[in-house]
Amino acid sequence: MKVLCKYNDPDDLPEGAPSDFDYGLELQKKYLVMGIMINVEKLYYFIDENGMPGFYPKELFDITDNQLSKEWYFKPYSKIDKMYPYVQAIWGYYELVFDKNHYQKIVDREESALKLYFRRKIELENELKERL
């Protein structure tokens, strides 16, 4: 899945996008989506800008290619899960979905987690090229 950044200016964001944050994205740039999360009933895309992966609100983007990876997984969360309601569901590569610590390691910029993220990104890029 690929998305095009349409908004980034904290003073000019679409309705529904948190406006108290400078997203640091490049306008009109296409991003490869590495995961999707529902967080407190809002949808976020997992992308990276300048090698820094993170979740960004869907309101900032238009979808340019809605094809999902055959290697993606899905996990819903319920009230018995520690992450709920902050995470209600997640889609993406295996470690993002099933390793509880993977995303935190990315946030902490741990080298092994970042290497894994970029390995999965290369795999996804190759998969999408092969399908064309």
Foldseek 3Di string as FASTA:
>chain_A
DKKFFADFQLVDFDPPFHSPDRPPDDHRDMWDFQKWWQFLNFIWTWTDDPLQTDTGGPSRIDDPDPDDDPQKDKDADDPVDPCPPRTGMMIHHDCVHPVPCLVVCSVVVPPVSSVVSVVVVVVVVVRVVVVD
